[in-house]
């Protein structure tokens, strides 16, 4: 592992859980239903926030928005539509969804997040 990656991973003070909504067949009843399935758990990460000023050409007012972003190892794969639950070291827990394509680098990846409201 290269030195840059080790330094970045020193920032990972939070963990995340990746949950997917999958169709599961009950062996007893033979019925298929959709359920939340945890596919990866306890993944080290860093949750970060930044403020962004949003302006509209038709509006003269500016809107201040907070954007959440997660940093994690580059080999972790998160399918589009997955729920990403972040557990911070201070005990805060929030579920998000991916809001774009991950920026993947040799040392880490960065994923922009939106608050998870419900399964699509």
PDB file of N, CA and C in Angstrom:
ATOM      1  N   UNK A   1       0.855  -1.176   0.000  1.00  0.00           N
ATOM      2  CA  UNK A   1       0.000   0.000   0.000  1.00  0.00           C
ATOM      3  C   UNK A   1       0.898   1.235   0.000  1.00  0.00           C
ATOM      4  N   UNK A   2       0.544   2.223  -0.825  1.00  0.00           N
ATOM      5  CA  UNK A   2       1.422   3.385  -0.905  1.00  0.00           C
ATOM      6  C   UNK A   2       1.202   4.349   0.269  1.00  0.00           C
ATOM      7  N   UNK A   3       2.170   5.196   0.467  1.00  0.00           N
ATOM      8  CA  UNK A   3       2.168   6.122   1.597  1.00  0.00           C
ATOM      9  C   UNK A   3       0.990   7.092   1.549  1.00  0.00           C
ATOM     10  N   UNK A   4       0.649   7.583   0.359  1.00  0.00           N
ATOM     11  CA  UNK A   4      -0.467   8.527   0.240  1.00  0.00           C
ATOM     12  C   UNK A   4      -1.779   7.890   0.712  1.00  0.00           C
ATOM     13  N   UNK A   5      -1.972   6.647   0.339  1.00  0.00           N
ATOM     14  CA  UNK A   5      -3.195   5.961   0.767  1.00  0.00           C
ATOM     15  C   UNK A   5      -3.222   5.791   2.283  1.00  0.00           C
ATOM     16  N   UNK A   6      -2.105   5.439   2.871  1.00  0.00           N
ATOM     17  CA  UNK A   6      -2.047   5.278   4.330  1.00  0.00           C
ATOM     18  C   UNK A   6      -2.392   6.580   5.036  1.00  0.00           C
ATOM     19  N   UNK A   7      -1.894   7.696   4.514  1.00  0.00           N
ATOM     20  CA  UNK A   7      -2.181   8.998   5.112  1.00  0.00           C
ATOM     21  C   UNK A   7      -3.666   9.329   4.998  1.00  0.00           C
ATOM     22  N   UNK A   8      -4.261   9.085   3.836  1.00  0.00           N
ATOM     23  CA  UNK A   8      -5.691   9.349   3.653  1.00  0.00           C
ATOM     24  C   UNK A   8      -6.515   8.473   4.587  1.00  0.00           C
ATOM     25  N   UNK A   9      -6.140   7.221   4.732  1.00  0.00           N
ATOM     26  CA  UNK A   9      -6.904   6.305   5.576  1.00  0.00           C
ATOM     27  C   UNK A   9      -6.811   6.653   7.057  1.00  0.00           C
ATOM     28  N   UNK A  10      -5.848   7.462   7.455  1.00  0.00           N
ATOM     29  CA  UNK A  10      -5.793   7.945   8.839  1.00  0.00           C
ATOM     30  C   UNK A  10      -7.001   8.840   9.155  1.00  0.00           C
ATOM     31  N   UNK A  11      -7.603   9.423   8.125  1.00  0.00           N
ATOM     32  CA  UNK A  11      -8.793  10.275   8.308  1.00  0.00           C
ATOM     33  C   UNK A  11     -10.059   9.456   8.538  1.00  0.00           C
ATOM     34  N   UNK A  12     -10.050   8.182   8.212  1.00  0.00           N
ATOM     35  CA  UNK A  12     -11.253   7.357   8.290  1.00  0.00           C
ATOM     36  C   UNK A  12     -11.601   7.097   9.751  1.00  0.00           C
ATOM     37  N   UNK A  13     -12.507   7.920  10.285  1.00  0.00           N
ATOM     38  CA  UNK A  13     -12.922   7.778  11.677  1.00  0.00           C
ATOM     39  C   UNK A  13     -14.372   7.320  11.800  1.00  0.00           C
ATOM     40  N   UNK A  14     -15.040   7.142  10.682  1.00  0.00           N
ATOM     41  CA  UNK A  14     -16.433   6.701  10.661  1.00  0.00           C
ATOM     42  C   UNK A  14     -16.500   5.327   9.998  1.00  0.00           C
ATOM     43  N   UNK A  15     -17.689   4.720  10.002  1.00  0.00           N
ATOM     44  CA  UNK A  15     -17.896   3.462   9.287  1.00  0.00           C
ATOM     45  C   UNK A  15     -19.204   3.565   8.509  1.00  0.00           C
ATOM     46  N   UNK A  16     -19.357   2.692   7.527  1.00  0.00           N
ATOM     47  CA  UNK A  16     -20.607   2.689   6.776  1.00  0.00           C
ATOM     48  C   UNK A  16     -21.083   1.271   6.534  1.00  0.00           C
ATOM     49  N   UNK A  17     -22.386   1.182   6.277  1.00  0.00           N
ATOM     50  CA  UNK A  17     -23.049  -0.072   5.940  1.00  0.00           C
ATOM     51  C   UNK A  17     -23.720   0.123   4.587  1.00  0.00           C
ATOM     52  N   UNK A  18     -23.561  -0.838   3.689  1.00  0.00           N
ATOM     53  CA  UNK A  18     -24.201  -0.781   2.380  1.00  0.00           C
ATOM     54  C   UNK A  18     -25.354  -1.775   2.373  1.00  0.00           C
ATOM     55  N   UNK A  19     -26.549  -1.265   2.059  1.00  0.00           N
ATOM     56  CA  UNK A  19     -27.757  -2.079   2.037  1.00  0.00           C
ATOM     57  C   UNK A  19     -28.384  -2.002   0.653  1.00  0.00           C
ATOM     58  N   UNK A  20     -28.799  -3.152   0.127  1.00  0.00           N
ATOM     59  CA  UNK A  20     -29.483  -3.204  -1.163  1.00  0.00           C
ATOM     60  C   UNK A  20     -30.888  -3.752  -0.955  1.00  0.00           C
ATOM     61  N   UNK A  21     -31.785  -3.359  -1.818  1.00  0.00           N
ATOM     62  CA  UNK A  21     -33.180  -3.807  -1.780  1.00  0.00           C
ATOM     63  C   UNK A  21     -33.310  -4.895  -2.830  1.00  0.00           C
ATOM     64  N   UNK A  22     -33.458  -6.143  -2.377  1.00  0.00           N
ATOM     65  CA  UNK A  22     -33.447  -7.274  -3.291  1.00  0.00           C
ATOM     66  C   UNK A  22     -34.680  -8.139  -3.129  1.00  0.00           C
ATOM     67  N   UNK A  23     -35.009  -8.836  -4.201  1.00  0.00           N
ATOM     68  CA  UNK A  23     -36.098  -9.807  -4.145  1.00  0.00           C
ATOM     69  C   UNK A  23     -35.556 -11.089  -3.546  1.00  0.00           C
ATOM     70  N   UNK A  24     -36.249 -11.587  -2.521  1.00  0.00           N
ATOM     71  CA  UNK A  24     -35.818 -12.784  -1.805  1.00  0.00           C
ATOM     72  C   UNK A  24     -36.982 -13.765  -1.783  1.00  0.00           C
ATOM     73  N   UNK A  25     -36.681 -15.028  -2.106  1.00  0.00           N
ATOM     74  CA  UNK A  25     -37.713 -16.063  -2.107  1.00  0.00           C
ATOM     75  C   UNK A  25     -37.697 -16.772  -0.764  1.00  0.00           C
ATOM     76  N   UNK A  26     -38.844 -16.807  -0.109  1.00  0.00           N
ATOM     77  CA  UNK A  26     -39.001 -17.518   1.160  1.00  0.00           C
ATOM     78  C   UNK A  26     -39.121 -19.007   0.835  1.00  0.00           C
ATOM     79  N   UNK A  27     -38.207 -19.806   1.363  1.00  0.00           N
ATOM     80  CA  UNK A  27     -38.188 -21.240   1.057  1.00  0.00           C
ATOM     81  C   UNK A  27     -39.417 -21.977   1.593  1.00  0.00           C
ATOM     82  N   UNK A  28     -39.985 -21.508   2.696  1.00  0.00           N
ATOM     83  CA  UNK A  28     -41.164 -22.180   3.270  1.00  0.00           C
ATOM     84  C   UNK A  28     -42.427 -21.860   2.477  1.00  0.00           C
ATOM     85  N   UNK A  29     -42.673 -20.576   2.237  1.00  0.00           N
ATOM     86  CA  UNK A  29     -43.911 -20.169   1.582  1.00  0.00           C
ATOM     87  C   UNK A  29     -43.799 -20.112   0.062  1.00  0.00           C
ATOM     88  N   UNK A  30     -42.571 -20.140  -0.443  1.00  0.00           N
ATOM     89  CA  UNK A  30     -42.289 -20.024  -1.878  1.00  0.00           C
ATOM     90  C   UNK A  30     -42.693 -18.668  -2.455  1.00  0.00           C
ATOM     91  N   UNK A  31     -42.985 -17.699  -1.587  1.00  0.00           N
ATOM     92  CA  UNK A  31     -43.328 -16.351  -2.035  1.00  0.00           C
ATOM     93  C   UNK A  31     -42.054 -15.512  -2.162  1.00  0.00           C
ATOM     94  N   UNK A  32     -42.051 -14.615  -3.133  1.00  0.00           N
ATOM     95  CA  UNK A  32     -40.929 -13.709  -3.326  1.00  0.00           C
ATOM     96  C   UNK A  32     -41.341 -12.329  -2.862  1.00  0.00           C
ATOM     97  N   UNK A  33     -40.501 -11.719  -2.042  1.00  0.00           N
ATOM     98  CA  UNK A  33     -40.762 -10.361  -1.583  1.00  0.00           C
ATOM     99  C   UNK A  33     -39.462  -9.578  -1.559  1.00  0.00           C
ATOM    100  N   UNK A  34     -39.575  -8.264  -1.615  1.00  0.00           N
ATOM    101  CA  UNK A  34     -38.392  -7.410  -1.575  1.00  0.00           C
ATOM    102  C   UNK A  34     -38.024  -7.118  -0.133  1.00  0.00           C
ATOM    103  N   UNK A  35     -36.725  -7.214   0.163  1.00  0.00           N
ATOM    104  CA  UNK A  35     -36.227  -6.985   1.514  1.00  0.00           C
ATOM    105  C   UNK A  35     -34.916  -6.216   1.454  1.00  0.00           C
ATOM    106  N   UNK A  36     -34.627  -5.514   2.551  1.00  0.00           N
ATOM    107  CA  UNK A  36     -33.329  -4.867   2.694  1.00  0.00           C
ATOM    108  C   UNK A  36     -32.300  -5.929   3.071  1.00  0.00           C
ATOM    109  N   UNK A  37     -31.206  -5.983   2.320  1.00  0.00           N
ATOM    110  CA  UNK A  37     -30.141  -6.950   2.574  1.00  0.00           C
ATOM    111  C   UNK A  37     -28.832  -6.175   2.771  1.00  0.00           C
ATOM    112  N   UNK A  38     -28.178  -6.372   3.913  1.00  0.00           N
ATOM    113  CA  UNK A  38     -26.874  -5.751   4.160  1.00  0.00           C
ATOM    114  C   UNK A  38     -25.848  -6.534   3.355  1.00  0.00           C
ATOM    115  N   UNK A  39     -25.154  -5.837   2.432  1.00  0.00           N
ATOM    116  CA  UNK A  39     -24.170  -6.507   1.584  1.00  0.00           C
ATOM    117  C   UNK A  39     -22.736  -6.276   2.062  1.00  0.00           C
ATOM    118  N   UNK A  40     -22.497  -5.155   2.737  1.00  0.00           N
ATOM    119  CA  UNK A  40     -21.191  -4.891   3.341  1.00  0.00           C
ATOM    120  C   UNK A  40     -21.422  -4.062   4.600  1.00  0.00           C
ATOM    121  N   UNK A  41     -20.609  -4.316   5.629  1.00  0.00           N
ATOM    122  CA  UNK A  41     -20.815  -3.648   6.910  1.00  0.00           C
ATOM    123  C   UNK A  41     -19.462  -3.260   7.515  1.00  0.00           C
ATOM    124  N   UNK A  42     -19.501  -2.242   8.343  1.00  0.00           N
ATOM    125  CA  UNK A  42     -18.332  -1.815   9.112  1.00  0.00           C
ATOM    126  C   UNK A  42     -17.150  -1.413   8.218  1.00  0.00           C
ATOM    127  N   UNK A  43     -17.442  -0.695   7.139  1.00  0.00           N
ATOM    128  CA  UNK A  43     -16.413  -0.242   6.208  1.00  0.00           C
ATOM    129  C   UNK A  43     -15.869   1.100   6.695  1.00  0.00           C
ATOM    130  N   UNK A  44     -14.566   1.222   6.919  1.00  0.00           N
ATOM    131  CA  UNK A  44     -13.991   2.499   7.355  1.00  0.00           C
ATOM    132  C   UNK A  44     -14.198   3.585   6.296  1.00  0.00           C
ATOM    133  N   UNK A  45     -14.524   4.797   6.752  1.00  0.00           N
ATOM    134  CA  UNK A  45     -14.773   5.897   5.835  1.00  0.00           C
ATOM    135  C   UNK A  45     -14.632   7.227   6.566  1.00  0.00           C
ATOM    136  N   UNK A  46     -14.801   8.298   5.822  1.00  0.00           N
ATOM    137  CA  UNK A  46     -14.815   9.645   6.383  1.00  0.00           C
ATOM    138  C   UNK A  46     -15.981  10.391   5.761  1.00  0.00           C
ATOM    139  N   UNK A  47     -16.911  10.848   6.601  1.00  0.00           N
ATOM    140  CA  UNK A  47     -18.031  11.665   6.148  1.00  0.00           C
ATOM    141  C   UNK A  47     -17.605  13.117   6.241  1.00  0.00           C
ATOM    142  N   UNK A  48     -17.843  13.849   5.180  1.00  0.00           N
ATOM    143  CA  UNK A  48     -17.445  15.247   5.129  1.00  0.00           C
ATOM    144  C   UNK A  48     -18.614  16.079   4.614  1.00  0.00           C
ATOM    145  N   UNK A  49     -18.698  17.301   5.087  1.00  0.00           N
ATOM    146  CA  UNK A  49     -19.729  18.232   4.635  1.00  0.00           C
ATOM    147  C   UNK A  49     -19.065  19.473   4.076  1.00  0.00           C
ATOM    148  N   UNK A  50     -19.701  20.059   3.082  1.00  0.00           N
ATOM    149  CA  UNK A  50     -19.250  21.356   2.608  1.00  0.00           C
ATOM    150  C   UNK A  50     -20.475  22.178   2.237  1.00  0.00           C
ATOM    151  N   UNK A  51     -20.351  23.474   2.348  1.00  0.00           N
ATOM    152  CA  UNK A  51     -21.438  24.386   2.000  1.00  0.00           C
ATOM    153  C   UNK A  51     -21.233  24.867   0.577  1.00  0.00           C
ATOM    154  N   UNK A  52     -22.323  24.904  -0.176  1.00  0.00           N
ATOM    155  CA  UNK A  52     -22.287  25.322  -1.568  1.00  0.00           C
ATOM    156  C   UNK A  52     -23.333  26.409  -1.758  1.00  0.00           C
ATOM    157  N   UNK A  53     -22.961  27.475  -2.438  1.00  0.00           N
ATOM    158  CA  UNK A  53     -23.909  28.541  -2.751  1.00  0.00           C
ATOM    159  C   UNK A  53     -24.517  28.238  -4.102  1.00  0.00           C
ATOM    160  N   UNK A  54     -25.837  28.148  -4.139  1.00  0.00           N
ATOM    161  CA  UNK A  54     -26.560  27.861  -5.370  1.00  0.00           C
ATOM    162  C   UNK A  54     -27.223  29.144  -5.849  1.00  0.00           C
ATOM    163  N   UNK A  55     -26.995  29.484  -7.092  1.00  0.00           N
ATOM    164  CA  UNK A  55     -27.630  30.671  -7.671  1.00  0.00           C
ATOM    165  C   UNK A  55     -28.445  30.263  -8.879  1.00  0.00           C
ATOM    166  N   UNK A  56     -29.491  30.986  -9.126  1.00  0.00           N
ATOM    167  CA  UNK A  56     -30.364  30.724 -10.253  1.00  0.00           C
ATOM    168  C   UNK A  56     -30.335  31.942 -11.167  1.00  0.00           C
ATOM    169  N   UNK A  57     -30.328  31.730 -12.469  1.00  0.00           N
ATOM    170  CA  UNK A  57     -30.302  32.850 -13.401  1.00  0.00           C
ATOM    171  C   UNK A  57     -31.593  33.651 -13.352  1.00  0.00           C
ATOM    172  N   UNK A  58     -32.684  32.999 -12.994  1.00  0.00           N
ATOM    173  CA  UNK A  58     -33.967  33.698 -12.961  1.00  0.00           C
ATOM    174  C   UNK A  58     -34.252  34.327 -11.600  1.00  0.00           C
ATOM    175  N   UNK A  59     -33.390  34.082 -10.635  1.00  0.00           N
ATOM    176  CA  UNK A  59     -33.614  34.575  -9.282  1.00  0.00           C
ATOM    177  C   UNK A  59     -32.363  35.310  -8.817  1.00  0.00           C
ATOM    178  N   UNK A  60     -32.540  36.413  -8.149  1.00  0.00           N
ATOM    179  CA  UNK A  60     -31.396  37.189  -7.691  1.00  0.00           C
ATOM    180  C   UNK A  60     -30.893  36.739  -6.326  1.00  0.00           C
ATOM    181  N   UNK A  61     -31.619  35.849  -5.658  1.00  0.00           N
ATOM    182  CA  UNK A  61     -31.195  35.398  -4.335  1.00  0.00           C
ATOM    183  C   UNK A  61     -30.290  34.175  -4.443  1.00  0.00           C
ATOM    184  N   UNK A  62     -29.437  34.028  -3.477  1.00  0.00           N
ATOM    185  CA  UNK A  62     -28.550  32.869  -3.392  1.00  0.00           C
ATOM    186  C   UNK A  62     -29.061  31.933  -2.316  1.00  0.00           C
ATOM    187  N   UNK A  63     -28.889  30.634  -2.541  1.00  0.00           N
ATOM    188  CA  UNK A  63     -29.310  29.639  -1.566  1.00  0.00           C
ATOM    189  C   UNK A  63     -28.084  28.884  -1.087  1.00  0.00           C
ATOM    190  N   UNK A  64     -27.923  28.789   0.227  1.00  0.00           N
ATOM    191  CA  UNK A  64     -26.799  28.065   0.807  1.00  0.00           C
ATOM    192  C   UNK A  64     -27.236  26.631   1.069  1.00  0.00           C
ATOM    193  N   UNK A  65     -26.528  25.677   0.463  1.00  0.00           N
ATOM    194  CA  UNK A  65     -26.864  24.265   0.620  1.00  0.00           C
ATOM    195  C   UNK A  65     -25.687  23.535   1.244  1.00  0.00           C
ATOM    196  N   UNK A  66     -26.004  22.500   2.017  1.00  0.00           N
ATOM    197  CA  UNK A  66     -24.957  21.660   2.587  1.00  0.00           C
ATOM    198  C   UNK A  66     -24.906  20.369   1.781  1.00  0.00           C
ATOM    199  N   UNK A  67     -23.705  19.986   1.382  1.00  0.00           N
ATOM    200  CA  UNK A  67     -23.509  18.786   0.574  1.00  0.00           C
ATOM    201  C   UNK A  67     -22.692  17.790   1.392  1.00  0.00           C
ATOM    202  N   UNK A  68     -23.148  16.536   1.421  1.00  0.00           N
ATOM    203  CA  UNK A  68     -22.423  15.477   2.127  1.00  0.00           C
ATOM    204  C   UNK A  68     -21.602  14.680   1.117  1.00  0.00           C
ATOM    205  N   UNK A  69     -20.428  14.259   1.574  1.00  0.00           N
ATOM    206  CA  UNK A  69     -19.515  13.503   0.727  1.00  0.00           C
ATOM    207  C   UNK A  69     -18.834  12.448   1.590  1.00  0.00           C
ATOM    208  N   UNK A  70     -18.620  11.276   1.005  1.00  0.00           N
ATOM    209  CA  UNK A  70     -17.971  10.192   1.739  1.00  0.00           C
ATOM    210  C   UNK A  70     -16.642   9.844   1.059  1.00  0.00           C
ATOM    211  N   UNK A  71     -15.622   9.574   1.854  1.00  0.00           N
ATOM    212  CA  UNK A  71     -14.320   9.132   1.371  1.00  0.00           C
ATOM    213  C   UNK A  71     -14.123   7.705   1.867  1.00  0.00           C
ATOM    214  N   UNK A  72     -13.707   6.800   0.978  1.00  0.00           N
ATOM    215  CA  UNK A  72     -13.476   5.413   1.367  1.00  0.00           C
ATOM    216  C   UNK A  72     -12.498   4.759   0.416  1.00  0.00           C
ATOM    217  N   UNK A  73     -12.125   3.519   0.710  1.00  0.00           N
ATOM    218  CA  UNK A  73     -11.148   2.780  -0.097  1.00  0.00           C
ATOM    219  C   UNK A  73     -11.645   2.620  -1.529  1.00  0.00           C
ATOM    220  N   UNK A  74     -10.731   2.665  -2.500  1.00  0.00           N
ATOM    221  CA  UNK A  74     -11.145   2.620  -3.909  1.00  0.00           C
ATOM    222  C   UNK A  74     -11.715   1.280  -4.366  1.00  0.00           C
ATOM    223  N   UNK A  75     -11.423   0.202  -3.673  1.00  0.00           N
ATOM    224  CA  UNK A  75     -11.901  -1.116  -4.119  1.00  0.00           C
ATOM    225  C   UNK A  75     -13.336  -1.434  -3.671  1.00  0.00           C
ATOM    226  N   UNK A  76     -13.916  -0.613  -2.809  1.00  0.00           N
ATOM    227  CA  UNK A  76     -15.288  -0.847  -2.353  1.00  0.00           C
ATOM    228  C   UNK A  76     -16.254  -0.496  -3.475  1.00  0.00           C
ATOM    229  N   UNK A  77     -17.129  -1.426  -3.819  1.00  0.00           N
ATOM    230  CA  UNK A  77     -18.112  -1.204  -4.888  1.00  0.00           C
ATOM    231  C   UNK A  77     -19.490  -0.982  -4.264  1.00  0.00           C
ATOM    232  N   UNK A  78     -20.133   0.105  -4.665  1.00  0.00           N
ATOM    233  CA  UNK A  78     -21.484   0.409  -4.201  1.00  0.00           C
ATOM    234  C   UNK A  78     -22.371   0.513  -5.435  1.00  0.00           C
ATOM    235  N   UNK A  79     -23.361  -0.372  -5.530  1.00  0.00           N
ATOM    236  CA  UNK A  79     -24.256  -0.365  -6.686  1.00  0.00           C
ATOM    237  C   UNK A  79     -25.159   0.868  -6.647  1.00  0.00           C
ATOM    238  N   UNK A  80     -25.480   1.412  -7.819  1.00  0.00           N
ATOM    239  CA  UNK A  80     -26.443   2.520  -7.854  1.00  0.00           C
ATOM    240  C   UNK A  80     -27.756   2.095  -7.200  1.00  0.00           C
ATOM    241  N   UNK A  81     -28.341   2.983  -6.423  1.00  0.00           N
ATOM    242  CA  UNK A  81     -29.599   2.682  -5.743  1.00  0.00           C
ATOM    243  C   UNK A  81     -29.429   2.099  -4.352  1.00  0.00           C
ATOM    244  N   UNK A  82     -28.204   1.789  -3.961  1.00  0.00           N
ATOM    245  CA  UNK A  82     -27.956   1.238  -2.627  1.00  0.00           C
ATOM    246  C   UNK A  82     -28.165   2.304  -1.558  1.00  0.00           C
ATOM    247  N   UNK A  83     -28.488   1.845  -0.355  1.00  0.00           N
ATOM    248  CA  UNK A  83     -28.566   2.735   0.802  1.00  0.00           C
ATOM    249  C   UNK A  83     -27.227   2.664   1.523  1.00  0.00           C
ATOM    250  N   UNK A  84     -26.668   3.844   1.836  1.00  0.00           N
ATOM    251  CA  UNK A  84     -25.387   3.943   2.513  1.00  0.00           C
ATOM    252  C   UNK A  84     -25.645   4.555   3.884  1.00  0.00           C
ATOM    253  N   UNK A  85     -25.506   3.764   4.939  1.00  0.00           N
ATOM    254  CA  UNK A  85     -25.736   4.263   6.289  1.00  0.00           C
ATOM    255  C   UNK A  85     -24.391   4.535   6.939  1.00  0.00           C
ATOM    256  N   UNK A  86     -24.185   5.803   7.323  1.00  0.00           N
ATOM    257  CA  UNK A  86     -22.920   6.215   7.913  1.00  0.00           C
ATOM    258  C   UNK A  86     -23.077   6.297   9.422  1.00  0.00           C
ATOM    259  N   UNK A  87     -22.123   5.710  10.141  1.00  0.00           N
ATOM    260  CA  UNK A  87     -22.084   5.731  11.599  1.00  0.00           C
ATOM    261  C   UNK A  87     -20.845   6.541  11.977  1.00  0.00           C
ATOM    262  N   UNK A  88     -21.043   7.732  12.555  1.00  0.00           N
ATOM    263  CA  UNK A  88     -19.896   8.567  12.896  1.00  0.00           C
ATOM    264  C   UNK A  88     -19.353   8.197  14.265  1.00  0.00           C
ATOM    265  N   UNK A  89     -18.114   8.608  14.521  1.00  0.00           N
ATOM    266  CA  UNK A  89     -17.480   8.300  15.807  1.00  0.00           C
ATOM    267  C   UNK A  89     -18.208   8.968  16.965  1.00  0.00           C
ATOM    268  N   UNK A  90     -18.967  10.027  16.689  1.00  0.00           N
ATOM    269  CA  UNK A  90     -19.706  10.722  17.751  1.00  0.00           C
ATOM    270  C   UNK A  90     -21.081  10.106  18.001  1.00  0.00           C
ATOM    271  N   UNK A  91     -21.408   9.010  17.289  1.00  0.00           N
ATOM    272  CA  UNK A  91     -22.666   8.316  17.522  1.00  0.00           C
ATOM    273  C   UNK A  91     -23.797   8.715  16.591  1.00  0.00           C
ATOM    274  N   UNK A  92     -23.561   9.644  15.690  1.00  0.00           N
ATOM    275  CA  UNK A  92     -24.568  10.077  14.721  1.00  0.00           C
ATOM    276  C   UNK A  92     -24.706   9.024  13.637  1.00  0.00           C
ATOM    277  N   UNK A  93     -25.944   8.770  13.203  1.00  0.00           N
ATOM    278  CA  UNK A  93     -26.189   7.808  12.132  1.00  0.00           C
ATOM    279  C   UNK A  93     -27.160   8.418  11.143  1.00  0.00           C
ATOM    280  N   UNK A  94     -26.822   8.353   9.855  1.00  0.00           N
ATOM    281  CA  UNK A  94     -27.688   8.895   8.811  1.00  0.00           C
ATOM    282  C   UNK A  94     -27.578   8.013   7.582  1.00  0.00           C
ATOM    283  N   UNK A  95     -28.712   7.818   6.906  1.00  0.00           N
ATOM    284  CA  UNK A  95     -28.712   7.027   5.673  1.00  0.00           C
ATOM    285  C   UNK A  95     -28.742   7.957   4.466  1.00  0.00           C
ATOM    286  N   UNK A  96     -27.961   7.579   3.454  1.00  0.00           N
ATOM    287  CA  UNK A  96     -27.822   8.371   2.241  1.00  0.00           C
ATOM    288  C   UNK A  96     -27.970   7.465   1.025  1.00  0.00           C
ATOM    289  N   UNK A  97     -28.058   8.107  -0.135  1.00  0.00           N
ATOM    290  CA  UNK A  97     -27.941   7.414  -1.404  1.00  0.00           C
ATOM    291  C   UNK A  97     -26.897   8.148  -2.220  1.00  0.00           C
ATOM    292  N   UNK A  98     -26.340   7.458  -3.186  1.00  0.00           N
ATOM    293  CA  UNK A  98     -25.318   8.023  -4.048  1.00  0.00           C
ATOM    294  C   UNK A  98     -25.961   9.039  -4.977  1.00  0.00           C
ATOM    295  N   UNK A  99     -25.371  10.230  -5.101  1.00  0.00           N
ATOM    296  CA  UNK A  99     -25.980  11.235  -5.961  1.00  0.00           C
ATOM    297  C   UNK A  99     -25.226  11.419  -7.275  1.00  0.00           C
ATOM    298  N   UNK A 100     -24.247  10.591  -7.516  1.00  0.00           N
ATOM    299  CA  UNK A 100     -23.503  10.689  -8.765  1.00  0.00           C
ATOM    300  C   UNK A 100     -22.514   9.562  -8.896  1.00  0.00           C
ATOM    301  N   UNK A 101     -21.739   9.609  -9.953  1.00  0.00           N
ATOM    302  CA  UNK A 101     -20.718   8.601 -10.201  1.00  0.00           C
ATOM    303  C   UNK A 101     -19.548   8.850  -9.252  1.00  0.00           C
ATOM    304  N   UNK A 102     -19.040   7.819  -8.582  1.00  0.00           N
ATOM    305  CA  UNK A 102     -17.907   8.013  -7.676  1.00  0.00           C
ATOM    306  C   UNK A 102     -16.666   8.516  -8.421  1.00  0.00           C
ATOM    307  N   UNK A 103     -15.912   9.378  -7.763  1.00  0.00           N
ATOM    308  CA  UNK A 103     -14.609   9.791  -8.283  1.00  0.00           C
ATOM    309  C   UNK A 103     -13.598   8.827  -7.658  1.00  0.00           C
ATOM    310  N   UNK A 104     -13.053   7.931  -8.469  1.00  0.00           N
ATOM    311  CA  UNK A 104     -12.174   6.881  -7.959  1.00  0.00           C
ATOM    312  C   UNK A 104     -10.721   7.215  -8.316  1.00  0.00           C
ATOM    313  N   UNK A 105      -9.882   7.216  -7.300  1.00  0.00           N
ATOM    314  CA  UNK A 105      -8.458   7.493  -7.443  1.00  0.00           C
ATOM    315  C   UNK A 105      -7.672   6.273  -6.973  1.00  0.00           C
ATOM    316  N   UNK A 106      -6.382   6.262  -7.172  1.00  0.00           N
ATOM    317  CA  UNK A 106      -5.547   5.148  -6.728  1.00  0.00           C
ATOM    318  C   UNK A 106      -5.597   4.992  -5.212  1.00  0.00           C
ATOM    319  N   UNK A 107      -5.740   6.095  -4.490  1.00  0.00           N
ATOM    320  CA  UNK A 107      -5.649   6.089  -3.034  1.00  0.00           C
ATOM    321  C   UNK A 107      -6.992   6.038  -2.313  1.00  0.00           C
ATOM    322  N   UNK A 108      -8.075   6.441  -2.975  1.00  0.00           N
ATOM    323  CA  UNK A 108      -9.387   6.518  -2.332  1.00  0.00           C
ATOM    324  C   UNK A 108     -10.464   6.782  -3.384  1.00  0.00           C
ATOM    325  N   UNK A 109     -11.704   6.832  -2.936  1.00  0.00           N
ATOM    326  CA  UNK A 109     -12.790   7.292  -3.796  1.00  0.00           C
ATOM    327  C   UNK A 109     -13.643   8.284  -3.024  1.00  0.00           C
ATOM    328  N   UNK A 110     -14.288   9.160  -3.765  1.00  0.00           N
ATOM    329  CA  UNK A 110     -15.156  10.179  -3.186  1.00  0.00           C
ATOM    330  C   UNK A 110     -16.537  10.030  -3.812  1.00  0.00           C
ATOM    331  N   UNK A 111     -17.559   9.988  -2.960  1.00  0.00           N
ATOM    332  CA  UNK A 111     -18.926   9.835  -3.437  1.00  0.00           C
ATOM    333  C   UNK A 111     -19.781  10.946  -2.854  1.00  0.00           C
ATOM    334  N   UNK A 112     -20.449  11.685  -3.719  1.00  0.00           N
ATOM    335  CA  UNK A 112     -21.394  12.707  -3.279  1.00  0.00           C
ATOM    336  C   UNK A 112     -22.673  11.983  -2.841  1.00  0.00           C
ATOM    337  N   UNK A 113     -23.293  12.491  -1.762  1.00  0.00           N
ATOM    338  CA  UNK A 113     -24.440  11.804  -1.176  1.00  0.00           C
ATOM    339  C   UNK A 113     -25.668  12.703  -1.104  1.00  0.00           C
ATOM    340  N   UNK A 114     -26.816  12.068  -1.119  1.00  0.00           N
ATOM    341  CA  UNK A 114     -28.101  12.719  -0.848  1.00  0.00           C
ATOM    342  C   UNK A 114     -28.747  11.939   0.291  1.00  0.00           C
ATOM    343  N   UNK A 115     -29.550  12.621   1.084  1.00  0.00           N
ATOM    344  CA  UNK A 115     -30.244  11.935   2.179  1.00  0.00           C
ATOM    345  C   UNK A 115     -31.186  10.900   1.586  1.00  0.00           C
ATOM    346  N   UNK A 116     -31.148   9.693   2.145  1.00  0.00           N
ATOM    347  CA  UNK A 116     -32.016   8.604   1.713  1.00  0.00           C
ATOM    348  C   UNK A 116     -33.395   8.800   2.302  1.00  0.00           C
ATOM    349  N   UNK A 117     -34.419   8.834   1.457  1.00  0.00           N
ATOM    350  CA  UNK A 117     -35.784   9.007   1.955  1.00  0.00           C
ATOM    351  C   UNK A 117     -36.581   7.721   1.891  1.00  0.00           C
ATOM    352  N   UNK A 118     -36.461   7.000   0.781  1.00  0.00           N
ATOM    353  CA  UNK A 118     -37.172   5.739   0.625  1.00  0.00           C
ATOM    354  C   UNK A 118     -36.614   5.007  -0.587  1.00  0.00           C
ATOM    355  N   UNK A 119     -36.941   3.725  -0.671  1.00  0.00           N
ATOM    356  CA  UNK A 119     -36.524   2.938  -1.829  1.00  0.00           C
ATOM    357  C   UNK A 119     -37.326   3.380  -3.035  1.00  0.00           C
ATOM    358  N   UNK A 120     -36.675   3.419  -4.190  1.00  0.00           N
ATOM    359  CA  UNK A 120     -37.352   3.839  -5.438  1.00  0.00           C
ATOM    360  C   UNK A 120     -38.252   2.740  -5.946  1.00  0.00           C
TER     361      UNK A 120
END
